[in-house]
Amino acid sequence: MDVEKLFNGIAVIVDNEIEKKTSAIYKIKQLIEAKNIPVAVFSEIPQLDVIPALASASFVILDWDYTNGELEVEEGERVTIPGGLVENEEERLIEFIKKLLTDVFVPVFIFTAKQPDTVIDSLKEASLWDDKKTNRIFVKQKIDVDTEEELFSAITEWIKKMPSAYVLKEWERVLRETQNAMFNEFYSYSPNWAQIIWNMLKEDSIENQQEFGDFVTRSLQNRIQNYSFDEASIQSDTPPNIEELRKVVEGERYLSYMEQPAQAYTGDLFKDGSKYYLNIRAQCSLAREADPVVYCIRGKKLKSKDIVSEDIRLTTERELVFSAKKHFSLDQMCEICQDAEKLAEFNRHFSKHRNSIFFRKGTILERDDKVIIGCVAGEEAIQFDMDLEVLNFNAWKDKRIGKILPPYITKIQQKCAVNMVREGVTPLPKELFMSFDE
């Protein structure tokens, strides 16, 4: 892993000894600068309103002790700092770290003269550290990172344990290169390119703020290339639990609205009681009307027990297994075969299994007249019928909860379109396939 290439933005150091050339943190600053990484410094804990400006930093290095236990007064005399002042500085630092971790995603390193366990205990008390998870904060004693090899080896090892930070930095690197190239490209076409696009979109949308942003994002995405991720830096020794899996998959395909957009969008999901309504109307039609109608398909939630992921199987324990709750021993089946009613009931399990919703190779298999999407709106899956319902957007917008994202909404639109223009065909005689009678 090339740390110099990965961290090619500005590093930020917050330490009250940063200006002392004999201090450990000053030496760390020199080591970072020797890697051609610019460094911005603060000699005291910054105000909270500085945090948004740190979003583009390569990483932030913090000291833990901003008092050092003593304070110099006139004639070089030193006095012990009151405990209350020390506690107040630690509270300010914890408040700063909390907001830093909440508002921006940036690697946070605490290099301190204190024992790391002492700092970690304080972080635990502030709910900033969890022994059961990989933490976004990296704690190290300054004396352990006072050479170039020690410093960057420690950072490299932490990055390997924090795949999110690695992915962010590699993605930012490619994004930054593409972003600069794209804006230079458009400027070469016309210094007024933004005005040209803005006016075009303004004529065709009631919410051109969003449309203009989408144009910039789409243009950037179309130009991004040359990603180079290190798989070893992405893999983790800790397997994800089921809830983590569900949340990550949902985040990839569904956006929950924290604030309601002004206009309707393709993929908008509405909830009325236990029913869901998904808008599949084309965006170009929605953008041109102040109060459009939305074309929705109605759905209901499915549970994991509604979806079959395992085949019927015969086990070495001499059991036929339909599901975790339905299994029969060979002795039971021999007994069932002697009773016509029990046999009919037993065979209904096969029919029910045949008509089930199946999961296969990462996909939930749907009937032609149904649409199923997993992991949206906090549900395990939602199944939609194909019948369209026309709803007035303004009357329903307060029930809008989120948005299904491309390419999933595009796939749903395509299936609905095929369903609308389907043509009936003559059914095949069942007798042609009665193979059990042979």
Foldseek 3Di string as FASTA:
>chain_A
DLLLLLQQEAEEEEALCCPPCVDLVVLVQVLCVVSVHHYHYHNADDDLVCLVVCQRHQAYEYEQFSCVQWDADPPRDIDGDDPVVRVVRNVSVLVSVVSNVVPHQHQYEYEYQDDQVVVQVVCVVSVQDDPVALHSYHYDYSVQQSDSCSVVVSVVVSLLQPVVSSVVSLVVSQLVVLLVVVVVVQVVVPVCSLVVVLVVQVVQFPCSVVVSVVVSVVVSVVRGDDRDDDVSSNDHPDDDDPVVVLVVVQVVWWFWDPDFDQWDDQQWWFDDPQKIWGFLDDRSVGGRDNWAKTKTWMKGFDAPVQEDEDDFDQDPVQWTDLDPVDIGHPVRVVVQVVPPVSVVVVVVSVVPSVPGFYDDDNDTDDDLQKDKDARYPPGRIMITGLDIDIGTCVVGSVRTTIGGDPPRSVVVSVSSVCVVPDDDDDDDDPVVPPVVVD
